[in-house]
Amino acid sequence: MSRHEGVSCDSCMKANFRGKRYKCLICYDYDLCGTCYEAGATNTRHTPDHAMQCILTRSDFVVWCMLQEIHFKDLRVDFERQ
């Protein structure tokens, strides 16, 4: 799993963290690591009703795409057998 280089979590302050990154679509420059997002981290400017976008690193996205292709290939094989 690669890192989000140059990004810090605005809740725990962890820099260059691994895993999912969540970016607020309302607040300017507000990012959370996956752990803080799952815990529901907020502050005075960022509230729970703000929309967040999940961002994967490029290498994590490539792995996700490969897994999706394998999953859907298996579904096609099962469908063709019926």
N, C-alpha and C. Protein backbone atom coordinates (compact mmCIF):
# COMPACT_ATOMS: atom_id res chain seq x y z
N MET A 1 0.86 -1.17 0.00
CA MET A 1 0.00 0.00 0.00
C MET A 1 0.90 1.23 0.00
N SER A 2 0.69 2.14 -0.92
CA SER A 2 1.53 3.33 -1.01
C SER A 2 0.99 4.46 -0.15
N ARG A 3 1.72 5.55 -0.12
CA ARG A 3 1.40 6.68 0.76
C ARG A 3 0.84 7.86 -0.01
N HIS A 4 0.08 8.68 0.69
CA HIS A 4 -0.39 9.96 0.14
C HIS A 4 0.68 10.99 0.44
N GLU A 5 1.67 11.09 -0.45
CA GLU A 5 2.82 11.97 -0.25
C GLU A 5 2.38 13.43 -0.24
N GLY A 6 2.89 14.18 0.73
CA GLY A 6 2.61 15.61 0.81
C GLY A 6 1.27 15.96 1.43
N VAL A 7 0.57 14.96 1.97
CA VAL A 7 -0.75 15.19 2.57
C VAL A 7 -0.69 14.83 4.05
N SER A 8 -1.32 15.66 4.88
CA SER A 8 -1.44 15.38 6.32
C SER A 8 -2.90 15.28 6.69
N CYS A 9 -3.20 14.40 7.62
CA CYS A 9 -4.55 14.30 8.16
C CYS A 9 -4.79 15.51 9.05
N ASP A 10 -5.88 16.22 8.83
CA ASP A 10 -6.18 17.42 9.61
C ASP A 10 -6.76 17.10 10.98
N SER A 11 -6.91 15.83 11.32
CA SER A 11 -7.38 15.46 12.65
C SER A 11 -6.23 14.95 13.51
N CYS A 12 -5.55 13.88 13.06
CA CYS A 12 -4.46 13.30 13.86
C CYS A 12 -3.09 13.85 13.47
N MET A 13 -3.03 14.63 12.41
CA MET A 13 -1.80 15.27 11.92
C MET A 13 -0.77 14.29 11.34
N LYS A 14 -1.17 13.08 11.09
CA LYS A 14 -0.26 12.10 10.49
C LYS A 14 0.04 12.53 9.05
N ALA A 15 1.32 12.57 8.70
CA ALA A 15 1.73 12.99 7.36
C ALA A 15 2.05 11.78 6.49
N ASN A 16 1.87 11.93 5.19
CA ASN A 16 2.21 10.89 4.21
C ASN A 16 1.64 9.53 4.61
N PHE A 17 0.37 9.51 4.99
CA PHE A 17 -0.24 8.29 5.51
C PHE A 17 -0.61 7.30 4.41
N ARG A 18 -0.78 6.07 4.81
CA ARG A 18 -1.19 4.98 3.91
C ARG A 18 -2.71 4.81 3.98
N GLY A 19 -3.25 4.08 3.01
CA GLY A 19 -4.67 3.77 3.03
C GLY A 19 -5.50 4.83 2.32
N LYS A 20 -6.77 4.84 2.64
CA LYS A 20 -7.69 5.78 2.00
C LYS A 20 -7.51 7.19 2.55
N ARG A 21 -7.70 8.15 1.66
CA ARG A 21 -7.67 9.58 2.02
C ARG A 21 -9.06 10.12 1.72
N TYR A 22 -9.58 10.93 2.62
CA TYR A 22 -10.88 11.54 2.42
C TYR A 22 -10.72 13.05 2.38
N LYS A 23 -11.20 13.66 1.30
CA LYS A 23 -11.08 15.10 1.10
C LYS A 23 -12.47 15.72 1.19
N CYS A 24 -12.58 16.77 2.00
CA CYS A 24 -13.85 17.47 2.12
C CYS A 24 -14.11 18.27 0.85
N LEU A 25 -15.33 18.19 0.34
CA LEU A 25 -15.70 18.92 -0.87
C LEU A 25 -16.23 20.32 -0.55
N ILE A 26 -16.31 20.66 0.73
CA ILE A 26 -16.79 21.97 1.16
C ILE A 26 -15.64 22.81 1.73
N CYS A 27 -14.91 22.24 2.67
CA CYS A 27 -13.81 22.97 3.33
C CYS A 27 -12.60 23.08 2.40
N TYR A 28 -11.91 24.19 2.50
CA TYR A 28 -10.68 24.36 1.74
C TYR A 28 -9.55 23.57 2.42
N ASP A 29 -8.91 22.69 1.68
CA ASP A 29 -7.74 21.95 2.14
C ASP A 29 -7.98 21.19 3.44
N TYR A 30 -9.01 20.36 3.48
CA TYR A 30 -9.30 19.54 4.66
C TYR A 30 -9.27 18.08 4.25
N ASP A 31 -8.32 17.33 4.79
CA ASP A 31 -8.15 15.92 4.47
C ASP A 31 -8.14 15.09 5.75
N LEU A 32 -8.67 13.88 5.64
CA LEU A 32 -8.64 12.94 6.76
C LEU A 32 -8.06 11.61 6.30
N CYS A 33 -7.32 10.95 7.20
CA CYS A 33 -6.90 9.58 6.93
C CYS A 33 -8.13 8.68 7.12
N GLY A 34 -8.03 7.45 6.68
CA GLY A 34 -9.15 6.52 6.80
C GLY A 34 -9.59 6.29 8.23
N THR A 35 -8.63 6.21 9.15
CA THR A 35 -8.94 5.97 10.56
C THR A 35 -9.77 7.11 11.15
N CYS A 36 -9.35 8.35 10.90
CA CYS A 36 -10.08 9.51 11.44
C CYS A 36 -11.44 9.68 10.77
N TYR A 37 -11.51 9.37 9.46
CA TYR A 37 -12.80 9.45 8.77
C TYR A 37 -13.79 8.46 9.38
N GLU A 38 -13.33 7.22 9.58
CA GLU A 38 -14.19 6.19 10.16
C GLU A 38 -14.64 6.55 11.57
N ALA A 39 -13.80 7.30 12.29
CA ALA A 39 -14.13 7.72 13.66
C ALA A 39 -15.05 8.94 13.68
N GLY A 40 -15.31 9.54 12.51
CA GLY A 40 -16.21 10.69 12.43
C GLY A 40 -15.58 12.00 12.88
N ALA A 41 -14.29 12.16 12.64
CA ALA A 41 -13.57 13.36 13.08
C ALA A 41 -14.18 14.63 12.48
N THR A 42 -14.32 15.64 13.31
CA THR A 42 -14.81 16.96 12.89
C THR A 42 -14.01 18.03 13.63
N ASN A 43 -14.24 19.27 13.26
CA ASN A 43 -13.69 20.41 14.00
C ASN A 43 -14.66 21.58 13.85
N THR A 44 -14.25 22.77 14.20
CA THR A 44 -15.18 23.91 14.15
C THR A 44 -15.58 24.29 12.74
N ARG A 45 -14.73 24.03 11.76
CA ARG A 45 -15.10 24.40 10.38
C ARG A 45 -15.62 23.22 9.57
N HIS A 46 -15.22 22.00 9.91
CA HIS A 46 -15.67 20.82 9.18
C HIS A 46 -16.71 20.08 10.01
N THR A 47 -17.89 19.92 9.45
CA THR A 47 -18.99 19.27 10.17
C THR A 47 -19.39 17.96 9.47
N PRO A 48 -20.08 17.07 10.16
CA PRO A 48 -20.43 15.76 9.59
C PRO A 48 -21.31 15.82 8.34
N ASP A 49 -21.99 16.93 8.11
CA ASP A 49 -22.86 17.00 6.94
C ASP A 49 -22.11 17.39 5.66
N HIS A 50 -20.82 17.65 5.73
CA HIS A 50 -20.03 17.98 4.54
C HIS A 50 -19.76 16.72 3.72
N ALA A 51 -19.90 16.85 2.41
CA ALA A 51 -19.60 15.73 1.51
C ALA A 51 -18.09 15.48 1.48
N MET A 52 -17.71 14.21 1.50
CA MET A 52 -16.30 13.82 1.45
C MET A 52 -16.06 12.92 0.24
N GLN A 53 -14.90 13.04 -0.36
CA GLN A 53 -14.53 12.20 -1.49
C GLN A 53 -13.37 11.30 -1.09
N CYS A 54 -13.51 10.01 -1.36
CA CYS A 54 -12.43 9.06 -1.07
C CYS A 54 -11.42 9.11 -2.21
N ILE A 55 -10.15 9.21 -1.85
CA ILE A 55 -9.07 9.27 -2.83
C ILE A 55 -8.09 8.13 -2.55
N LEU A 56 -7.81 7.35 -3.59
CA LEU A 56 -6.82 6.28 -3.49
C LEU A 56 -5.52 6.74 -4.13
N THR A 57 -4.40 6.20 -3.68
CA THR A 57 -3.15 6.46 -4.39
C THR A 57 -3.23 5.76 -5.74
N ARG A 58 -2.36 6.15 -6.65
CA ARG A 58 -2.38 5.55 -7.99
C ARG A 58 -2.18 4.04 -7.92
N SER A 59 -1.21 3.59 -7.15
CA SER A 59 -0.96 2.14 -7.08
C SER A 59 -2.11 1.39 -6.42
N ASP A 60 -2.74 1.97 -5.41
CA ASP A 60 -3.90 1.33 -4.78
C ASP A 60 -5.07 1.27 -5.76
N PHE A 61 -5.21 2.29 -6.60
CA PHE A 61 -6.28 2.30 -7.59
C PHE A 61 -6.05 1.20 -8.63
N VAL A 62 -4.81 1.03 -9.06
CA VAL A 62 -4.48 -0.03 -10.03
C VAL A 62 -4.83 -1.40 -9.46
N VAL A 63 -4.47 -1.64 -8.21
CA VAL A 63 -4.80 -2.91 -7.55
C VAL A 63 -6.31 -3.09 -7.49
N TRP A 64 -7.04 -2.04 -7.12
CA TRP A 64 -8.51 -2.10 -7.05
C TRP A 64 -9.09 -2.46 -8.41
N CYS A 65 -8.57 -1.84 -9.49
CA CYS A 65 -9.07 -2.14 -10.83
C CYS A 65 -8.83 -3.59 -11.22
N MET A 66 -7.65 -4.10 -10.88
CA MET A 66 -7.35 -5.50 -11.19
C MET A 66 -8.29 -6.44 -10.44
N LEU A 67 -8.57 -6.14 -9.18
CA LEU A 67 -9.49 -6.97 -8.41
C LEU A 67 -10.90 -6.91 -8.97
N GLN A 68 -11.32 -5.73 -9.44
CA GLN A 68 -12.64 -5.61 -10.04
C GLN A 68 -12.73 -6.44 -11.31
N GLU A 69 -11.67 -6.40 -12.11
CA GLU A 69 -11.67 -7.17 -13.35
C GLU A 69 -11.77 -8.67 -13.06
N ILE A 70 -11.04 -9.14 -12.06
CA ILE A 70 -11.12 -10.55 -11.67
C ILE A 70 -12.52 -10.89 -11.19
N HIS A 71 -13.09 -10.03 -10.36
CA HIS A 71 -14.44 -10.27 -9.83
C HIS A 71 -15.46 -10.35 -10.96
N PHE A 72 -15.43 -9.37 -11.88
CA PHE A 72 -16.42 -9.36 -12.95
C PHE A 72 -16.18 -10.47 -13.96
N LYS A 73 -14.92 -10.88 -14.14
CA LYS A 73 -14.63 -12.01 -15.01
C LYS A 73 -15.26 -13.27 -14.43
N ASP A 74 -15.15 -13.46 -13.13
CA ASP A 74 -15.78 -14.61 -12.47
C ASP A 74 -17.29 -14.57 -12.63
N LEU A 75 -17.88 -13.39 -12.55
CA LEU A 75 -19.33 -13.27 -12.72
C LEU A 75 -19.74 -13.63 -14.14
N ARG A 76 -18.94 -13.21 -15.14
CA ARG A 76 -19.26 -13.53 -16.53
C ARG A 76 -19.20 -15.04 -16.75
N VAL A 77 -18.21 -15.70 -16.18
CA VAL A 77 -18.08 -17.16 -16.33
C VAL A 77 -19.29 -17.84 -15.72
N ASP A 78 -19.70 -17.43 -14.53
CA ASP A 78 -20.87 -18.02 -13.88
C ASP A 78 -22.13 -17.78 -14.70
N PHE A 79 -22.27 -16.59 -15.27
CA PHE A 79 -23.44 -16.25 -16.05
C PHE A 79 -23.50 -17.09 -17.33
N GLU A 80 -22.35 -17.28 -17.97
CA GLU A 80 -22.31 -18.04 -19.21
C GLU A 80 -22.62 -19.52 -18.99
N ARG A 81 -22.39 -20.03 -17.79
CA ARG A 81 -22.68 -21.44 -17.48
C ARG A 81 -24.18 -21.69 -17.36
N GLN A 82 -24.94 -20.67 -17.09
CA GLN A 82 -26.38 -20.86 -16.85
C GLN A 82 -27.15 -21.05 -18.11
